[in-house]
Amino acid sequence: MDAGANEQVIERKGSFVRIRYRLRTDQGEYVRGDPREGDAILEFFTGYRQVLPSLEERLIGRSSGERLRFEIGPEDAFGQYREELIREKSFDEFPEGRSLEAGKWAVARDDRTRAAYGYYVREKKQDSIILDYNHPLAGKTLIYELVIEEVRPATHEERVILRPCEAGKGGEGQEEEAV
């Protein structure tokens, strides 16, 4: 689809984008949006690490009104499922585990850094608990079906407050923001 004179093209950095979408796994499980309940809406600014980089990359150069369907493999989404992220902890080591329920997700917070970490309670035994620290979508191929509803340049006011998340980058990639 060619961008007309009034259509904005999604730029690598500084575009406001709104999509209406459905996201499901290759096993058919809907993650966002659902044929029965309606599509999900996602709004973000390109170049600020607000969405999966592989999703953003597939939208660069596209225009409002375009309909897309594509797959993102585990390596470009939430990684492969890793058995080494399953841990068994005794209740002596992890007394909070006594109150957790098997088959449920829980969140731990580091009191020092205030960072939150999710984990899945796989099994509860008499003296221990088995926890899975994999992301819920690890190892899964993601299938997006979407319509680009709006594309426009970020306003000056929006650009002033936008800051990319630098978590896990060790400061790499930080740059001064031209506003």
Protein backbone atom coordinates (compact mmCIF):
# COMPACT_ATOMS: atom_id res chain seq x y z
CA MET A 1 0.00 0.00 0.00
CA ASP A 2 1.52 3.34 -1.02
CA ALA A 3 1.45 6.17 1.44
CA GLY A 4 -0.68 8.98 0.07
CA ALA A 5 0.15 12.65 0.49
CA ASN A 6 -1.72 12.85 3.82
CA GLU A 7 -0.72 9.45 5.18
CA GLN A 8 2.01 9.27 7.75
CA VAL A 9 4.54 6.47 7.49
CA ILE A 10 5.75 4.80 10.67
CA GLU A 11 9.28 6.08 11.28
CA ARG A 12 12.01 4.26 13.20
CA LYS A 13 11.83 6.83 16.00
CA GLY A 14 9.24 9.35 17.08
CA SER A 15 6.02 8.05 15.52
CA PHE A 16 2.87 7.64 17.58
CA VAL A 17 1.19 4.40 16.48
CA ARG A 18 -2.19 2.91 17.36
CA ILE A 19 -3.04 -0.62 16.25
CA ARG A 20 -6.14 -2.75 16.67
CA TYR A 21 -4.99 -6.34 16.97
CA ARG A 22 -5.36 -9.95 17.98
CA LEU A 23 -2.40 -11.86 19.35
CA ARG A 24 -2.41 -15.62 19.70
CA THR A 25 0.14 -18.36 20.09
CA ASP A 26 0.84 -21.03 17.51
CA GLN A 27 -1.18 -23.37 19.76
CA GLY A 28 -4.27 -21.19 19.13
CA GLU A 29 -4.42 -19.57 22.60
CA TYR A 30 -5.49 -15.91 22.40
CA VAL A 31 -3.23 -13.64 24.43
CA ARG A 32 -4.79 -10.27 23.51
CA GLY A 33 -7.93 -9.60 21.54
CA ASP A 34 -10.41 -12.37 20.91
CA PRO A 35 -12.88 -13.12 18.10
CA ARG A 36 -15.72 -13.29 20.66
CA GLU A 37 -14.79 -10.28 22.80
CA GLY A 38 -13.20 -7.98 20.22
CA ASP A 39 -9.78 -6.73 19.26
CA ALA A 40 -7.25 -5.19 21.63
CA ILE A 41 -5.85 -1.69 21.16
CA LEU A 42 -2.17 -0.84 21.54
CA GLU A 43 -0.71 2.67 21.44
CA PHE A 44 3.02 3.34 21.54
CA PHE A 45 5.84 5.55 20.30
CA THR A 46 8.48 4.05 18.03
CA GLY A 47 12.09 4.09 19.11
CA TYR A 48 11.42 4.04 22.85
CA ARG A 49 11.36 0.28 23.55
CA GLN A 50 7.69 0.31 24.53
CA VAL A 51 6.81 -2.86 22.58
CA LEU A 52 8.63 -5.97 21.40
CA PRO A 53 11.41 -4.80 19.06
CA SER A 54 10.41 -7.47 16.52
CA LEU A 55 6.83 -6.13 16.46
CA GLU A 56 8.01 -2.55 16.02
CA GLU A 57 10.46 -3.57 13.28
CA ARG A 58 7.65 -5.15 11.24
CA LEU A 59 5.67 -1.90 11.40
CA ILE A 60 8.43 0.51 10.31
CA GLY A 61 7.60 2.02 6.90
CA ARG A 62 3.92 1.06 7.10
CA SER A 63 0.93 3.44 7.03
CA SER A 64 -2.44 3.77 8.68
CA GLY A 65 -5.11 1.55 7.19
CA GLU A 66 -2.76 -1.34 6.44
CA ARG A 67 -3.80 -4.83 7.54
CA LEU A 68 -1.02 -7.22 8.50
CA ARG A 69 -0.64 -10.81 9.66
CA PHE A 70 2.76 -12.12 10.73
CA GLU A 71 4.48 -14.49 13.12
CA ILE A 72 7.24 -13.75 15.61
CA GLY A 73 9.25 -16.77 16.73
CA PRO A 74 10.34 -17.35 20.34
CA GLU A 75 13.89 -16.13 19.65
CA ASP A 76 12.50 -12.69 18.68
CA ALA A 77 9.81 -12.58 21.36
CA PHE A 78 10.27 -13.93 24.91
CA GLY A 79 13.01 -16.47 24.27
CA GLN A 80 13.05 -20.23 24.36
CA TYR A 81 11.58 -22.08 27.31
CA ARG A 82 14.48 -22.89 29.65
CA GLU A 83 14.30 -25.88 32.00
CA GLU A 84 17.04 -24.36 34.18
CA LEU A 85 14.57 -21.64 35.21
CA ILE A 86 12.50 -24.22 37.09
CA ARG A 87 13.59 -24.35 40.72
CA GLU A 88 12.56 -26.35 43.73
CA LYS A 89 12.75 -24.47 47.03
CA SER A 90 12.23 -25.87 50.49
CA PHE A 91 9.82 -24.09 52.81
CA ASP A 92 12.79 -23.53 55.14
CA GLU A 93 14.49 -21.58 52.34
CA PHE A 94 11.26 -19.98 51.08
CA PRO A 95 8.64 -19.86 53.89
CA GLU A 96 6.33 -17.65 51.78
CA GLY A 97 5.83 -20.69 49.54
CA ARG A 98 3.53 -22.27 52.12
CA SER A 99 0.79 -19.77 51.27
CA LEU A 100 1.10 -20.11 47.48
CA GLU A 101 -1.25 -22.21 45.38
CA ALA A 102 -0.12 -24.61 42.65
CA GLY A 103 -1.20 -23.55 39.16
CA LYS A 104 -1.14 -19.82 39.98
CA TRP A 105 1.20 -16.96 39.11
CA ALA A 106 2.84 -14.93 41.87
CA VAL A 107 5.01 -11.83 41.99
CA ALA A 108 8.06 -11.29 44.17
CA ARG A 109 9.48 -7.86 44.80
CA ASP A 110 13.11 -7.14 45.63
CA ASP A 111 12.94 -4.85 48.67
CA ARG A 112 16.25 -3.23 47.78
CA THR A 113 15.67 -2.50 44.07
CA ARG A 114 11.82 -2.60 44.07
CA ALA A 115 12.03 -4.74 40.90
CA ALA A 116 9.16 -7.21 40.46
CA TYR A 117 9.65 -10.78 39.23
CA GLY A 118 6.87 -13.10 38.17
CA TYR A 119 6.93 -16.85 38.65
CA TYR A 120 4.54 -19.74 38.19
CA VAL A 121 3.85 -22.19 41.00
CA ARG A 122 4.14 -25.53 39.21
CA GLU A 123 3.79 -27.85 42.16
CA LYS A 124 3.47 -27.76 45.91
CA LYS A 125 4.94 -30.66 47.87
CA GLN A 126 4.87 -31.41 51.58
CA ASP A 127 8.22 -29.70 52.32
CA SER A 128 8.92 -27.71 49.17
CA ILE A 129 7.53 -25.85 46.20
CA ILE A 130 8.48 -25.95 42.50
CA LEU A 131 8.64 -22.55 40.81
CA ASP A 132 8.96 -21.72 37.11
CA TYR A 133 10.63 -18.39 36.32
CA ASN A 134 10.11 -18.55 32.52
CA HIS A 135 8.01 -15.83 30.91
CA PRO A 136 4.49 -17.19 30.23
CA LEU A 137 5.08 -16.79 26.48
CA ALA A 138 8.60 -18.27 26.45
CA GLY A 139 9.04 -20.89 23.74
CA LYS A 140 5.91 -19.80 21.87
CA THR A 141 5.50 -18.37 18.39
CA LEU A 142 3.31 -15.26 18.45
CA ILE A 143 0.83 -14.62 15.65
CA TYR A 144 -0.30 -11.02 15.15
CA GLU A 145 -3.30 -9.99 13.07
CA LEU A 146 -3.64 -6.22 13.08
CA VAL A 147 -4.83 -3.02 11.48
CA ILE A 148 -2.79 0.14 11.80
CA GLU A 149 -5.38 2.69 12.89
CA GLU A 150 -3.34 5.83 13.41
CA VAL A 151 0.16 7.08 12.67
CA ARG A 152 1.43 10.57 13.43
CA PRO A 153 4.64 12.24 14.55
CA ALA A 154 5.04 12.53 18.32
CA THR A 155 4.34 16.06 19.53
CA HIS A 156 7.05 18.13 21.18
CA GLU A 157 5.30 17.68 24.54
CA GLU A 158 5.23 13.89 24.11
CA ARG A 159 8.89 13.72 23.09
CA VAL A 160 9.97 15.66 26.18
CA ILE A 161 8.59 13.00 28.53
CA LEU A 162 9.49 9.91 26.47
CA ARG A 163 12.47 7.95 27.74
CA PRO A 164 13.48 4.47 26.61
CA CYS A 165 13.72 1.70 29.16
CA GLU A 166 17.40 0.85 29.56
CA ALA A 167 16.85 -2.26 31.72
CA GLY A 168 19.25 -5.02 30.85
CA LYS A 169 21.35 -2.77 28.63
CA GLY A 170 23.95 -1.82 31.24
CA GLY A 171 23.68 1.77 30.04
CA GLU A 172 24.42 0.71 26.45
CA GLY A 173 22.32 2.53 23.91
CA GLN A 174 21.63 5.57 26.06
CA GLU A 175 21.64 8.68 23.99
CA GLU A 176 20.74 12.29 24.38
CA GLU A 177 17.23 12.96 23.31
CA ALA A 178 16.70 15.69 20.74
CA VAL A 179 13.44 17.39 21.62
